[in-house]
Amino acid sequence: KGAVEIQQIFRSRVRFRALTLQEIQRYVVTGECYDKAGGYGIQGEGVALVEEVQGSYTNVIGLPLKETLELLKAQGVI
């Protein structure tokens, strides 16, 4: 079976709660923000900063798992 390329865009929105300067400074001190796109890790301590996620939570982390599985199933890969 030949290779197939599929492109799909999945959009997720993250809304932070109102943060105090002290809360931001406490988070920065954890060091978690330094190696994350967007400067926070929702899969770690950064989850405490978030008020709402619209869309795929796993997309915010880096790979929309449910949506990827649906695409693979639609192609008969799994």
N, C-alpha and C. Protein backbone atom coordinates (compact mmCIF):
# COMPACT_ATOMS: atom_id res chain seq x y z
N LYS A 1 0.85 -1.18 0.00
CA LYS A 1 0.00 0.00 0.00
C LYS A 1 0.89 1.24 0.00
N GLY A 2 0.58 2.22 -0.84
CA GLY A 2 1.39 3.42 -0.95
C GLY A 2 1.20 4.37 0.22
N ALA A 3 2.13 5.25 0.36
CA ALA A 3 2.07 6.24 1.43
C ALA A 3 1.01 7.29 1.10
N VAL A 4 0.34 7.75 2.13
CA VAL A 4 -0.68 8.78 1.99
C VAL A 4 -0.34 9.90 2.97
N GLU A 5 -0.42 11.12 2.49
CA GLU A 5 -0.20 12.27 3.38
C GLU A 5 -1.54 12.91 3.68
N ILE A 6 -1.79 13.09 4.96
CA ILE A 6 -3.03 13.74 5.40
C ILE A 6 -2.64 14.93 6.26
N GLN A 7 -3.23 16.06 6.00
CA GLN A 7 -3.01 17.24 6.82
C GLN A 7 -4.34 17.68 7.41
N GLN A 8 -4.31 17.97 8.66
CA GLN A 8 -5.51 18.41 9.36
C GLN A 8 -5.09 19.40 10.43
N ILE A 9 -5.87 20.42 10.61
CA ILE A 9 -5.59 21.41 11.66
C ILE A 9 -6.63 21.24 12.76
N PHE A 10 -6.14 21.13 13.98
CA PHE A 10 -7.01 21.08 15.15
C PHE A 10 -6.67 22.27 16.02
N ARG A 11 -7.67 23.03 16.38
CA ARG A 11 -7.47 24.24 17.16
C ARG A 11 -8.01 24.05 18.56
N SER A 12 -7.22 24.44 19.53
CA SER A 12 -7.64 24.43 20.92
C SER A 12 -7.37 25.81 21.50
N ARG A 13 -8.25 26.24 22.38
CA ARG A 13 -8.06 27.55 23.04
C ARG A 13 -7.91 27.31 24.53
N VAL A 14 -6.96 28.01 25.11
CA VAL A 14 -6.70 27.92 26.55
C VAL A 14 -6.92 29.29 27.15
N ARG A 15 -7.73 29.33 28.19
CA ARG A 15 -7.95 30.59 28.90
C ARG A 15 -7.38 30.45 30.30
N PHE A 16 -6.53 31.38 30.66
CA PHE A 16 -5.95 31.41 31.99
C PHE A 16 -6.88 32.15 32.94
N ARG A 17 -6.83 31.77 34.18
CA ARG A 17 -7.58 32.52 35.19
C ARG A 17 -6.77 33.78 35.52
N ALA A 18 -7.38 34.72 36.21
CA ALA A 18 -6.66 35.92 36.63
C ALA A 18 -5.55 35.50 37.60
N LEU A 19 -4.34 35.90 37.30
CA LEU A 19 -3.18 35.50 38.11
C LEU A 19 -2.57 36.71 38.80
N THR A 20 -2.14 36.50 40.02
CA THR A 20 -1.42 37.55 40.72
C THR A 20 0.05 37.49 40.31
N LEU A 21 0.76 38.55 40.54
CA LEU A 21 2.19 38.57 40.26
C LEU A 21 2.90 37.48 41.06
N GLN A 22 2.49 37.27 42.30
CA GLN A 22 3.11 36.22 43.13
C GLN A 22 2.89 34.83 42.53
N GLU A 23 1.70 34.57 42.01
CA GLU A 23 1.43 33.26 41.40
C GLU A 23 2.30 33.05 40.16
N ILE A 24 2.47 34.10 39.39
CA ILE A 24 3.31 34.00 38.19
C ILE A 24 4.76 33.77 38.60
N GLN A 25 5.23 34.51 39.58
CA GLN A 25 6.61 34.34 40.04
C GLN A 25 6.84 32.94 40.61
N ARG A 26 5.86 32.41 41.36
CA ARG A 26 5.97 31.04 41.90
C ARG A 26 6.07 30.02 40.77
N TYR A 27 5.30 30.23 39.73
CA TYR A 27 5.35 29.30 38.61
C TYR A 27 6.69 29.38 37.88
N VAL A 28 7.18 30.58 37.66
CA VAL A 28 8.47 30.75 36.98
C VAL A 28 9.58 30.07 37.75
N VAL A 29 9.54 30.15 39.07
CA VAL A 29 10.57 29.54 39.91
C VAL A 29 10.61 28.01 39.74
N THR A 30 9.48 27.39 39.37
CA THR A 30 9.48 25.93 39.16
C THR A 30 10.37 25.54 38.00
N GLY A 31 10.63 26.46 37.07
CA GLY A 31 11.45 26.17 35.90
C GLY A 31 10.69 25.46 34.79
N GLU A 32 9.46 25.07 35.06
CA GLU A 32 8.67 24.33 34.10
C GLU A 32 8.41 25.12 32.82
N CYS A 33 8.37 26.42 32.93
CA CYS A 33 8.01 27.28 31.79
C CYS A 33 9.12 27.42 30.75
N TYR A 34 10.34 27.05 31.10
CA TYR A 34 11.47 27.34 30.22
C TYR A 34 11.60 26.43 29.02
N ASP A 35 11.02 25.24 29.07
CA ASP A 35 11.16 24.33 27.92
C ASP A 35 9.82 24.02 27.27
N LYS A 36 8.87 24.91 27.42
CA LYS A 36 7.52 24.70 26.89
C LYS A 36 7.16 25.79 25.89
N ALA A 37 6.56 25.37 24.79
CA ALA A 37 6.00 26.35 23.85
C ALA A 37 4.87 27.06 24.57
N GLY A 38 4.85 28.35 24.52
CA GLY A 38 3.82 29.11 25.22
C GLY A 38 4.20 29.45 26.65
N GLY A 39 5.28 28.88 27.16
CA GLY A 39 5.77 29.25 28.48
C GLY A 39 5.05 28.61 29.65
N TYR A 40 4.27 27.55 29.41
CA TYR A 40 3.62 26.86 30.52
C TYR A 40 3.40 25.41 30.11
N GLY A 41 3.29 24.55 31.09
CA GLY A 41 3.02 23.13 30.84
C GLY A 41 1.70 22.74 31.47
N ILE A 42 0.68 22.61 30.65
CA ILE A 42 -0.64 22.26 31.18
C ILE A 42 -0.65 20.85 31.76
N GLN A 43 0.30 20.02 31.34
CA GLN A 43 0.38 18.66 31.85
C GLN A 43 1.14 18.58 33.17
N GLY A 44 1.60 19.71 33.64
CA GLY A 44 2.33 19.75 34.90
C GLY A 44 1.71 20.76 35.84
N GLU A 45 2.57 21.51 36.51
CA GLU A 45 2.10 22.50 37.49
C GLU A 45 1.32 23.64 36.83
N GLY A 46 1.54 23.85 35.54
CA GLY A 46 0.85 24.91 34.82
C GLY A 46 -0.66 24.73 34.75
N VAL A 47 -1.14 23.52 35.00
CA VAL A 47 -2.59 23.29 34.98
C VAL A 47 -3.30 24.18 36.01
N ALA A 48 -2.62 24.56 37.07
CA ALA A 48 -3.21 25.42 38.09
C ALA A 48 -3.44 26.85 37.58
N LEU A 49 -2.83 27.20 36.47
CA LEU A 49 -2.98 28.54 35.90
C LEU A 49 -4.19 28.64 34.97
N VAL A 50 -4.68 27.49 34.54
CA VAL A 50 -5.69 27.43 33.47
C VAL A 50 -7.10 27.42 34.04
N GLU A 51 -7.95 28.23 33.46
CA GLU A 51 -9.36 28.24 33.83
C GLU A 51 -10.20 27.36 32.91
N GLU A 52 -9.86 27.36 31.60
CA GLU A 52 -10.69 26.63 30.66
C GLU A 52 -9.89 26.21 29.44
N VAL A 53 -10.21 25.02 28.93
CA VAL A 53 -9.67 24.55 27.65
C VAL A 53 -10.85 24.29 26.73
N GLN A 54 -10.84 24.91 25.57
CA GLN A 54 -11.84 24.66 24.54
C GLN A 54 -11.15 23.86 23.44
N GLY A 55 -11.66 22.69 23.17
CA GLY A 55 -11.02 21.84 22.17
C GLY A 55 -10.33 20.68 22.85
N SER A 56 -9.31 20.19 22.21
CA SER A 56 -8.60 18.99 22.64
C SER A 56 -7.51 19.32 23.66
N TYR A 57 -7.64 18.73 24.84
CA TYR A 57 -6.61 18.90 25.88
C TYR A 57 -5.28 18.34 25.40
N THR A 58 -5.30 17.17 24.74
CA THR A 58 -4.04 16.57 24.30
C THR A 58 -3.41 17.39 23.17
N ASN A 59 -4.19 18.14 22.43
CA ASN A 59 -3.64 19.04 21.43
C ASN A 59 -2.83 20.15 22.09
N VAL A 60 -3.28 20.62 23.23
CA VAL A 60 -2.55 21.65 23.97
C VAL A 60 -1.19 21.10 24.40
N ILE A 61 -1.15 19.84 24.78
CA ILE A 61 0.11 19.22 25.19
C ILE A 61 1.04 19.03 23.99
N GLY A 62 0.46 18.71 22.84
CA GLY A 62 1.32 18.57 21.67
C GLY A 62 0.80 17.66 20.57
N LEU A 63 -0.08 16.71 20.87
CA LEU A 63 -0.61 15.83 19.84
C LEU A 63 -2.07 15.51 20.16
N PRO A 64 -2.98 15.91 19.29
CA PRO A 64 -4.40 15.62 19.54
C PRO A 64 -4.69 14.13 19.34
N LEU A 65 -4.62 13.36 20.40
CA LEU A 65 -4.68 11.90 20.31
C LEU A 65 -5.99 11.38 19.74
N LYS A 66 -7.10 11.82 20.27
CA LYS A 66 -8.41 11.35 19.80
C LYS A 66 -8.58 11.64 18.31
N GLU A 67 -8.27 12.84 17.92
CA GLU A 67 -8.42 13.26 16.54
C GLU A 67 -7.46 12.50 15.62
N THR A 68 -6.23 12.25 16.08
CA THR A 68 -5.27 11.48 15.30
C THR A 68 -5.74 10.05 15.10
N LEU A 69 -6.26 9.44 16.16
CA LEU A 69 -6.79 8.08 16.04
C LEU A 69 -7.96 8.03 15.06
N GLU A 70 -8.82 9.04 15.09
CA GLU A 70 -9.94 9.09 14.15
C GLU A 70 -9.46 9.18 12.70
N LEU A 71 -8.41 9.97 12.46
CA LEU A 71 -7.85 10.07 11.11
C LEU A 71 -7.25 8.73 10.67
N LEU A 72 -6.55 8.07 11.56
CA LEU A 72 -5.95 6.77 11.23
C LEU A 72 -7.02 5.73 10.95
N LYS A 73 -8.08 5.73 11.74
CA LYS A 73 -9.19 4.80 11.51
C LYS A 73 -9.86 5.08 10.17
N ALA A 74 -10.07 6.33 9.83
CA ALA A 74 -10.71 6.70 8.57
C ALA A 74 -9.89 6.23 7.37
N GLN A 75 -8.57 6.13 7.54
CA GLN A 75 -7.69 5.67 6.46
C GLN A 75 -7.50 4.15 6.49
N GLY A 76 -8.10 3.49 7.49
CA GLY A 76 -7.96 2.04 7.58
C GLY A 76 -6.62 1.57 8.11
N VAL A 77 -5.90 2.48 8.73
CA VAL A 77 -4.58 2.14 9.28
C VAL A 77 -4.74 1.34 10.57
N ILE A 78 -5.74 1.70 11.35
CA ILE A 78 -6.01 0.95 12.58
C ILE A 78 -7.47 0.56 12.62
